[in-house]
Amino acid sequence: MATEKEKFLAGEPYNIMDPELAAEETKARRICKMMNELDDTASEEKDQLIRQLFGSVGKSPWVQPNFRCDFGYNIHVGDYFMCNYDNVILDIAPVTIGNHCMLAPHVQIYAAYHPWTPANGKLHWIGKTGHAWRRRLGWRWLCDSAGCYPW
């Protein structure tokens, strides 16, 4: 029987409260916190944290505070990626962003999806289940407060 992480990585429904996955999310949040608290003059340290957090990184990445993500290792960015203030990438599936791409402030990229079912005329979340859809961005600029959602 597959573990919750194996299901998660295969893009199958998985238990979002799994202890192994929760520990990985906590690790990513800690790295994000360290990165977000750095002064802009600490560019080498910021570069190292970005490379520690993301799955793959091209040349000269830049991420402004307040960046947040779920796991980080499912985020893949090309050369000269720039992420402006207050962005969120929910990376429960691979999120690939090409070369020379920039995210304006308040961009939200969600690969996360939680199944819902109608019951008694209302939507109800099905247990603690998560599901994922891959995201691939190749354009050069995702504008202010833009969203990329799985629904």
N, C-alpha and C. Protein backbone atom coordinates (compact mmCIF):
# COMPACT_ATOMS: atom_id res chain seq x y z
N MET A 1 0.85 -1.17 0.00
CA MET A 1 0.00 0.00 0.00
C MET A 1 0.90 1.25 0.00
N ALA A 2 0.55 2.21 -0.81
CA ALA A 2 1.35 3.42 -0.95
C ALA A 2 1.23 4.31 0.29
N THR A 3 2.33 4.95 0.63
CA THR A 3 2.30 5.92 1.72
C THR A 3 1.58 7.18 1.24
N GLU A 4 1.22 8.04 2.17
CA GLU A 4 0.56 9.30 1.80
C GLU A 4 1.49 10.16 0.94
N LYS A 5 2.79 10.14 1.25
CA LYS A 5 3.73 10.92 0.45
C LYS A 5 3.83 10.34 -0.97
N GLU A 6 3.85 9.02 -1.09
CA GLU A 6 3.89 8.41 -2.43
C GLU A 6 2.66 8.78 -3.24
N LYS A 7 1.48 8.77 -2.58
CA LYS A 7 0.25 9.20 -3.26
C LYS A 7 0.35 10.66 -3.67
N PHE A 8 0.82 11.49 -2.74
CA PHE A 8 1.00 12.92 -2.98
C PHE A 8 1.89 13.15 -4.20
N LEU A 9 3.05 12.50 -4.24
CA LEU A 9 3.99 12.67 -5.35
C LEU A 9 3.46 12.13 -6.67
N ALA A 10 2.57 11.13 -6.60
CA ALA A 10 1.97 10.56 -7.81
C ALA A 10 0.76 11.36 -8.30
N GLY A 11 0.38 12.39 -7.55
CA GLY A 11 -0.77 13.21 -7.94
C GLY A 11 -2.10 12.56 -7.61
N GLU A 12 -2.08 11.60 -6.69
CA GLU A 12 -3.31 10.92 -6.27
C GLU A 12 -3.84 11.59 -5.00
N PRO A 13 -5.13 11.41 -4.69
CA PRO A 13 -5.65 11.95 -3.43
C PRO A 13 -4.85 11.40 -2.24
N TYR A 14 -4.59 12.25 -1.28
CA TYR A 14 -3.76 11.88 -0.13
C TYR A 14 -4.29 12.58 1.12
N ASN A 15 -3.87 12.11 2.27
CA ASN A 15 -4.27 12.69 3.55
C ASN A 15 -3.39 13.91 3.83
N ILE A 16 -3.98 15.10 3.85
CA ILE A 16 -3.20 16.32 4.04
C ILE A 16 -2.65 16.45 5.46
N MET A 17 -3.11 15.62 6.38
CA MET A 17 -2.64 15.67 7.77
C MET A 17 -1.55 14.63 8.05
N ASP A 18 -1.04 13.98 7.01
CA ASP A 18 0.00 12.97 7.18
C ASP A 18 1.21 13.58 7.90
N PRO A 19 1.73 12.92 8.95
CA PRO A 19 2.84 13.50 9.72
C PRO A 19 4.11 13.77 8.90
N GLU A 20 4.44 12.89 7.97
CA GLU A 20 5.64 13.11 7.15
C GLU A 20 5.49 14.37 6.29
N LEU A 21 4.33 14.51 5.66
CA LEU A 21 4.09 15.70 4.83
C LEU A 21 3.99 16.96 5.68
N ALA A 22 3.38 16.85 6.85
CA ALA A 22 3.28 18.00 7.75
C ALA A 22 4.67 18.48 8.18
N ALA A 23 5.58 17.54 8.43
CA ALA A 23 6.95 17.91 8.81
C ALA A 23 7.66 18.62 7.66
N GLU A 24 7.40 18.18 6.42
CA GLU A 24 8.01 18.82 5.26
C GLU A 24 7.45 20.23 5.05
N GLU A 25 6.16 20.40 5.30
CA GLU A 25 5.57 21.74 5.22
C GLU A 25 6.16 22.67 6.28
N THR A 26 6.35 22.15 7.48
CA THR A 26 6.95 22.94 8.55
C THR A 26 8.36 23.38 8.18
N LYS A 27 9.13 22.47 7.59
CA LYS A 27 10.49 22.81 7.15
C LYS A 27 10.45 23.93 6.11
N ALA A 28 9.54 23.83 5.15
CA ALA A 28 9.42 24.87 4.12
C ALA A 28 9.02 26.21 4.73
N ARG A 29 8.11 26.19 5.68
CA ARG A 29 7.69 27.44 6.34
C ARG A 29 8.85 28.09 7.08
N ARG A 30 9.69 27.26 7.71
CA ARG A 30 10.85 27.81 8.43
C ARG A 30 11.83 28.46 7.46
N ILE A 31 12.07 27.81 6.31
CA ILE A 31 12.97 28.40 5.31
C ILE A 31 12.37 29.70 4.77
N CYS A 32 11.07 29.69 4.49
CA CYS A 32 10.41 30.91 4.02
C CYS A 32 10.56 32.03 5.05
N LYS A 33 10.36 31.71 6.32
CA LYS A 33 10.49 32.72 7.37
C LYS A 33 11.89 33.30 7.40
N MET A 34 12.91 32.43 7.33
CA MET A 34 14.29 32.93 7.31
C MET A 34 14.54 33.82 6.10
N MET A 35 14.06 33.38 4.95
CA MET A 35 14.25 34.13 3.71
C MET A 35 13.53 35.48 3.79
N ASN A 36 12.32 35.48 4.30
CA ASN A 36 11.51 36.70 4.38
C ASN A 36 12.10 37.72 5.34
N GLU A 37 12.85 37.26 6.33
CA GLU A 37 13.41 38.17 7.32
C GLU A 37 14.76 38.75 6.92
N LEU A 38 15.32 38.28 5.81
CA LEU A 38 16.63 38.78 5.37
C LEU A 38 16.54 40.19 4.81
N ASP A 39 17.56 40.97 5.07
CA ASP A 39 17.71 42.28 4.48
C ASP A 39 18.10 42.11 3.01
N ASP A 40 17.75 43.07 2.17
CA ASP A 40 18.08 42.97 0.74
C ASP A 40 19.58 42.91 0.47
N THR A 41 20.39 43.34 1.42
CA THR A 41 21.83 43.28 1.22
C THR A 41 22.39 41.87 1.40
N ALA A 42 21.59 40.96 1.93
CA ALA A 42 22.03 39.58 2.17
C ALA A 42 21.71 38.70 0.96
N SER A 43 22.11 39.17 -0.24
CA SER A 43 21.71 38.48 -1.47
C SER A 43 22.29 37.07 -1.58
N GLU A 44 23.51 36.84 -1.11
CA GLU A 44 24.10 35.50 -1.18
C GLU A 44 23.34 34.52 -0.29
N GLU A 45 23.03 34.95 0.91
CA GLU A 45 22.29 34.10 1.84
C GLU A 45 20.88 33.82 1.30
N LYS A 46 20.25 34.83 0.72
CA LYS A 46 18.92 34.65 0.14
C LYS A 46 18.98 33.65 -1.01
N ASP A 47 19.99 33.77 -1.87
CA ASP A 47 20.15 32.84 -2.98
C ASP A 47 20.29 31.40 -2.47
N GLN A 48 21.07 31.21 -1.42
CA GLN A 48 21.25 29.87 -0.85
C GLN A 48 19.93 29.31 -0.32
N LEU A 49 19.15 30.15 0.36
CA LEU A 49 17.86 29.69 0.90
C LEU A 49 16.88 29.35 -0.22
N ILE A 50 16.85 30.16 -1.27
CA ILE A 50 15.99 29.86 -2.42
C ILE A 50 16.36 28.50 -3.00
N ARG A 51 17.65 28.25 -3.16
CA ARG A 51 18.12 26.98 -3.72
C ARG A 51 17.86 25.81 -2.77
N GLN A 52 17.86 26.07 -1.48
CA GLN A 52 17.54 25.03 -0.49
C GLN A 52 16.04 24.71 -0.52
N LEU A 53 15.22 25.72 -0.75
CA LEU A 53 13.76 25.56 -0.71
C LEU A 53 13.20 24.98 -2.00
N PHE A 54 13.57 25.55 -3.14
CA PHE A 54 12.98 25.15 -4.43
C PHE A 54 13.60 23.86 -4.95
N GLY A 55 12.83 23.17 -5.80
CA GLY A 55 13.30 21.91 -6.40
C GLY A 55 14.43 22.12 -7.38
N SER A 56 14.35 23.17 -8.20
CA SER A 56 15.42 23.53 -9.11
C SER A 56 15.36 25.03 -9.39
N VAL A 57 16.54 25.61 -9.61
CA VAL A 57 16.65 27.07 -9.73
C VAL A 57 17.69 27.39 -10.79
N GLY A 58 17.35 28.33 -11.68
CA GLY A 58 18.30 28.80 -12.68
C GLY A 58 19.22 29.87 -12.12
N LYS A 59 19.74 30.70 -13.00
CA LYS A 59 20.65 31.77 -12.62
C LYS A 59 19.89 32.95 -12.00
N SER A 60 20.51 33.56 -11.02
CA SER A 60 20.08 34.83 -10.43
C SER A 60 18.60 34.91 -10.04
N PRO A 61 18.12 34.02 -9.17
CA PRO A 61 16.74 34.14 -8.71
C PRO A 61 16.62 35.26 -7.68
N TRP A 62 15.44 35.86 -7.56
CA TRP A 62 15.21 36.86 -6.54
C TRP A 62 13.79 36.71 -6.02
N VAL A 63 13.64 36.62 -4.72
CA VAL A 63 12.34 36.48 -4.08
C VAL A 63 12.23 37.53 -2.99
N GLN A 64 11.22 38.39 -3.10
CA GLN A 64 10.96 39.42 -2.10
C GLN A 64 10.08 38.84 -0.98
N PRO A 65 10.12 39.46 0.20
CA PRO A 65 9.20 39.03 1.25
C PRO A 65 7.78 39.45 0.87
N ASN A 66 6.84 38.93 1.28
CA ASN A 66 6.57 37.86 2.18
C ASN A 66 6.16 36.66 1.32
N PHE A 67 7.11 35.81 1.01
CA PHE A 67 6.85 34.65 0.16
C PHE A 67 6.42 33.47 1.02
N ARG A 68 5.44 32.70 0.51
CA ARG A 68 4.98 31.50 1.20
C ARG A 68 4.74 30.38 0.20
N CYS A 69 4.95 29.15 0.65
CA CYS A 69 4.67 27.98 -0.18
C CYS A 69 4.37 26.80 0.74
N ASP A 70 3.91 25.70 0.14
CA ASP A 70 3.63 24.50 0.93
C ASP A 70 4.88 23.67 1.19
N PHE A 71 5.56 23.27 0.13
CA PHE A 71 6.70 22.37 0.26
C PHE A 71 7.99 22.95 -0.31
N GLY A 72 7.88 23.72 -1.36
CA GLY A 72 9.06 24.31 -1.98
C GLY A 72 9.72 23.42 -3.00
N TYR A 73 9.89 22.13 -2.68
CA TYR A 73 10.62 21.24 -3.59
C TYR A 73 9.87 20.95 -4.88
N ASN A 74 8.61 21.31 -4.95
CA ASN A 74 7.84 21.14 -6.20
C ASN A 74 7.87 22.41 -7.05
N ILE A 75 8.63 23.42 -6.64
CA ILE A 75 8.74 24.67 -7.40
C ILE A 75 10.04 24.64 -8.20
N HIS A 76 9.92 24.88 -9.50
CA HIS A 76 11.08 24.85 -10.40
C HIS A 76 11.06 26.15 -11.19
N VAL A 77 12.13 26.94 -11.06
CA VAL A 77 12.19 28.23 -11.74
C VAL A 77 13.42 28.30 -12.64
N GLY A 78 13.25 29.02 -13.76
CA GLY A 78 14.34 29.19 -14.70
C GLY A 78 15.25 30.34 -14.33
N ASP A 79 16.07 30.73 -15.30
CA ASP A 79 17.02 31.83 -15.11
C ASP A 79 16.30 33.16 -14.90
N TYR A 80 16.84 33.96 -14.02
CA TYR A 80 16.39 35.34 -13.77
C TYR A 80 14.92 35.43 -13.34
N PHE A 81 14.50 34.45 -12.55
CA PHE A 81 13.17 34.48 -11.96
C PHE A 81 13.11 35.58 -10.91
N MET A 82 12.05 36.38 -10.93
CA MET A 82 11.85 37.43 -9.93
C MET A 82 10.44 37.32 -9.37
N CYS A 83 10.38 37.21 -8.07
CA CYS A 83 9.11 37.08 -7.35
C CYS A 83 8.98 38.30 -6.45
N ASN A 84 8.01 39.16 -6.73
CA ASN A 84 7.84 40.39 -5.98
C ASN A 84 7.14 40.10 -4.64
N TYR A 85 6.68 41.13 -3.95
CA TYR A 85 6.16 41.03 -2.59
C TYR A 85 4.86 40.22 -2.49
N ASP A 86 4.74 39.52 -1.36
CA ASP A 86 3.49 38.89 -0.92
C ASP A 86 2.92 37.85 -1.89
N ASN A 87 3.78 36.96 -2.36
CA ASN A 87 3.33 35.91 -3.27
C ASN A 87 3.18 34.57 -2.56
N VAL A 88 2.27 33.75 -3.07
CA VAL A 88 2.01 32.42 -2.53
C VAL A 88 2.03 31.42 -3.67
N ILE A 89 2.78 30.33 -3.49
CA ILE A 89 2.75 29.21 -4.44
C ILE A 89 2.42 27.96 -3.63
N LEU A 90 1.20 27.44 -3.81
CA LEU A 90 0.81 26.20 -3.14
C LEU A 90 1.23 25.06 -4.04
N ASP A 91 2.37 24.49 -3.73
CA ASP A 91 3.06 23.55 -4.63
C ASP A 91 2.88 22.09 -4.23
N ILE A 92 1.65 21.64 -4.12
CA ILE A 92 1.47 20.22 -3.84
C ILE A 92 1.60 19.38 -5.11
N ALA A 93 1.77 20.04 -6.23
CA ALA A 93 2.13 19.41 -7.50
C ALA A 93 3.22 20.29 -8.10
N PRO A 94 3.97 19.79 -9.07
CA PRO A 94 5.03 20.61 -9.65
C PRO A 94 4.50 21.92 -10.24
N VAL A 95 5.19 22.99 -9.92
CA VAL A 95 4.94 24.31 -10.48
C VAL A 95 6.23 24.71 -11.18
N THR A 96 6.18 24.84 -12.50
CA THR A 96 7.36 25.16 -13.29
C THR A 96 7.20 26.55 -13.89
N ILE A 97 8.17 27.39 -13.64
CA ILE A 97 8.15 28.78 -14.12
C ILE A 97 9.41 28.98 -14.96
N GLY A 98 9.24 29.46 -16.18
CA GLY A 98 10.33 29.54 -17.15
C GLY A 98 11.34 30.64 -16.90
N ASN A 99 12.25 30.80 -17.86
CA ASN A 99 13.30 31.81 -17.80
C ASN A 99 12.72 33.22 -17.94
N HIS A 100 13.34 34.16 -17.25
CA HIS A 100 13.00 35.58 -17.34
C HIS A 100 11.54 35.86 -16.96
N CYS A 101 10.97 35.06 -16.08
CA CYS A 101 9.59 35.27 -15.65
C CYS A 101 9.58 36.06 -14.35
N MET A 102 8.59 36.95 -14.26
CA MET A 102 8.44 37.79 -13.08
C MET A 102 7.02 37.69 -12.56
N LEU A 103 6.91 37.61 -11.24
CA LEU A 103 5.61 37.63 -10.58
C LEU A 103 5.46 38.98 -9.90
N ALA A 104 4.41 39.71 -10.23
CA ALA A 104 4.12 40.99 -9.59
C ALA A 104 3.69 40.75 -8.14
N PRO A 105 3.48 41.79 -7.35
CA PRO A 105 3.00 41.59 -5.98
C PRO A 105 1.64 40.87 -5.95
N HIS A 106 1.47 40.10 -4.90
CA HIS A 106 0.20 39.44 -4.57
C HIS A 106 -0.23 38.37 -5.58
N VAL A 107 0.70 37.75 -6.28
CA VAL A 107 0.35 36.67 -7.20
C VAL A 107 0.15 35.39 -6.40
N GLN A 108 -0.88 34.64 -6.77
CA GLN A 108 -1.21 33.37 -6.11
C GLN A 108 -1.22 32.26 -7.15
N ILE A 109 -0.39 31.25 -6.96
CA ILE A 109 -0.37 30.10 -7.87
C ILE A 109 -0.72 28.89 -7.02
N TYR A 110 -1.86 28.28 -7.34
CA TYR A 110 -2.35 27.17 -6.53
C TYR A 110 -2.36 25.89 -7.36
N ALA A 111 -1.57 24.93 -6.94
CA ALA A 111 -1.66 23.59 -7.51
C ALA A 111 -2.52 22.71 -6.60
N ALA A 112 -2.97 23.28 -5.50
CA ALA A 112 -3.75 22.53 -4.51
C ALA A 112 -5.23 22.55 -4.85
N TYR A 113 -5.87 21.46 -4.55
CA TYR A 113 -7.30 21.32 -4.76
C TYR A 113 -7.83 20.38 -3.68
N HIS A 114 -8.94 20.75 -3.06
CA HIS A 114 -9.58 19.90 -2.06
C HIS A 114 -10.95 19.52 -2.58
N PRO A 115 -11.20 18.22 -2.76
CA PRO A 115 -12.49 17.80 -3.32
C PRO A 115 -13.66 18.14 -2.40
N TRP A 116 -14.74 18.56 -3.03
CA TRP A 116 -15.97 18.90 -2.33
C TRP A 116 -17.12 18.10 -2.92
N THR A 117 -18.13 17.88 -2.12
CA THR A 117 -19.31 17.17 -2.60
C THR A 117 -20.56 17.92 -2.14
N PRO A 118 -21.58 18.01 -2.99
CA PRO A 118 -22.82 18.64 -2.53
C PRO A 118 -23.57 17.72 -1.57
N ALA A 119 -24.05 18.29 -0.48
CA ALA A 119 -24.86 17.53 0.47
C ALA A 119 -25.84 18.51 1.11
N ASN A 120 -27.11 18.18 1.05
CA ASN A 120 -28.15 19.05 1.63
C ASN A 120 -28.08 20.48 1.09
N GLY A 121 -27.77 20.61 -0.19
CA GLY A 121 -27.73 21.92 -0.79
C GLY A 121 -26.49 22.74 -0.46
N LYS A 122 -25.53 22.15 0.27
CA LYS A 122 -24.30 22.85 0.64
C LYS A 122 -23.10 22.04 0.17
N LEU A 123 -21.99 22.72 -0.01
CA LEU A 123 -20.75 22.00 -0.35
C LEU A 123 -20.06 21.54 0.92
N HIS A 124 -19.58 20.31 0.92
CA HIS A 124 -18.87 19.75 2.06
C HIS A 124 -17.53 19.21 1.61
N TRP A 125 -16.51 19.56 2.36
CA TRP A 125 -15.16 19.07 2.11
C TRP A 125 -15.12 17.59 2.42
N ILE A 126 -14.56 16.80 1.53
CA ILE A 126 -14.48 15.35 1.73
C ILE A 126 -13.28 15.04 2.60
N GLY A 127 -13.51 14.81 3.86
CA GLY A 127 -12.46 14.42 4.79
C GLY A 127 -11.29 15.38 4.82
N LYS A 128 -10.11 14.81 4.92
CA LYS A 128 -8.88 15.59 4.94
C LYS A 128 -8.08 15.26 3.70
N THR A 129 -8.76 15.25 2.58
CA THR A 129 -8.17 14.83 1.32
C THR A 129 -7.68 16.03 0.53
N GLY A 130 -6.52 15.88 -0.07
CA GLY A 130 -5.99 16.89 -0.98
C GLY A 130 -5.75 16.26 -2.33
N HIS A 131 -5.75 17.07 -3.35
CA HIS A 131 -5.47 16.60 -4.71
C HIS A 131 -4.69 17.71 -5.40
N ALA A 132 -3.98 17.38 -6.45
CA ALA A 132 -3.08 18.36 -7.06
C ALA A 132 -3.21 18.39 -8.57
N TRP A 133 -2.95 19.56 -9.14
CA TRP A 133 -2.85 19.75 -10.58
C TRP A 133 -1.57 20.50 -10.87
N ARG A 134 -0.80 20.00 -11.83
CA ARG A 134 0.45 20.65 -12.21
C ARG A 134 0.19 22.03 -12.78
N ARG A 135 1.16 22.93 -12.60
CA ARG A 135 1.11 24.27 -13.15
C ARG A 135 2.40 24.52 -13.91
N ARG A 136 2.29 25.07 -15.11
CA ARG A 136 3.47 25.42 -15.91
C ARG A 136 3.24 26.82 -16.47
N LEU A 137 4.14 27.73 -16.10
CA LEU A 137 4.03 29.12 -16.55
C LEU A 137 5.23 29.44 -17.42
N GLY A 138 4.98 29.96 -18.62
CA GLY A 138 6.07 30.29 -19.51
C GLY A 138 6.07 31.75 -19.91
N TRP A 139 4.99 32.47 -19.54
CA TRP A 139 4.96 33.87 -19.95
C TRP A 139 5.91 34.69 -19.10
N ARG A 140 6.16 35.90 -19.52
CA ARG A 140 7.18 36.73 -18.89
C ARG A 140 6.71 37.47 -17.65
N TRP A 141 5.42 37.76 -17.53
CA TRP A 141 4.96 38.60 -16.43
C TRP A 141 3.58 38.17 -16.00
N LEU A 142 3.41 37.85 -14.73
CA LEU A 142 2.10 37.58 -14.17
C LEU A 142 1.77 38.79 -13.32
N CYS A 143 0.73 39.52 -13.69
CA CYS A 143 0.49 40.86 -13.14
C CYS A 143 -0.04 40.85 -11.71
N ASP A 144 -0.07 42.02 -11.12
CA ASP A 144 -0.47 42.26 -9.75
C ASP A 144 -1.78 41.57 -9.39
N SER A 145 -1.77 40.85 -8.29
CA SER A 145 -2.94 40.17 -7.72
C SER A 145 -3.53 39.12 -8.65
N ALA A 146 -2.75 38.62 -9.59
CA ALA A 146 -3.22 37.57 -10.50
C ALA A 146 -3.26 36.24 -9.76
N GLY A 147 -4.10 35.35 -10.25
CA GLY A 147 -4.19 34.03 -9.68
C GLY A 147 -4.16 32.95 -10.74
N CYS A 148 -3.62 31.81 -10.37
CA CYS A 148 -3.60 30.65 -11.24
C CYS A 148 -4.14 29.51 -10.38
N TYR A 149 -5.41 29.13 -10.61
CA TYR A 149 -6.11 28.23 -9.72
C TYR A 149 -6.49 26.92 -10.43
N PRO A 150 -6.68 25.84 -9.66
CA PRO A 150 -7.00 24.55 -10.28
C PRO A 150 -8.47 24.34 -10.59
N TRP A 151 -9.31 25.32 -10.42
CA TRP A 151 -10.74 25.13 -10.71
C TRP A 151 -11.19 26.01 -11.83
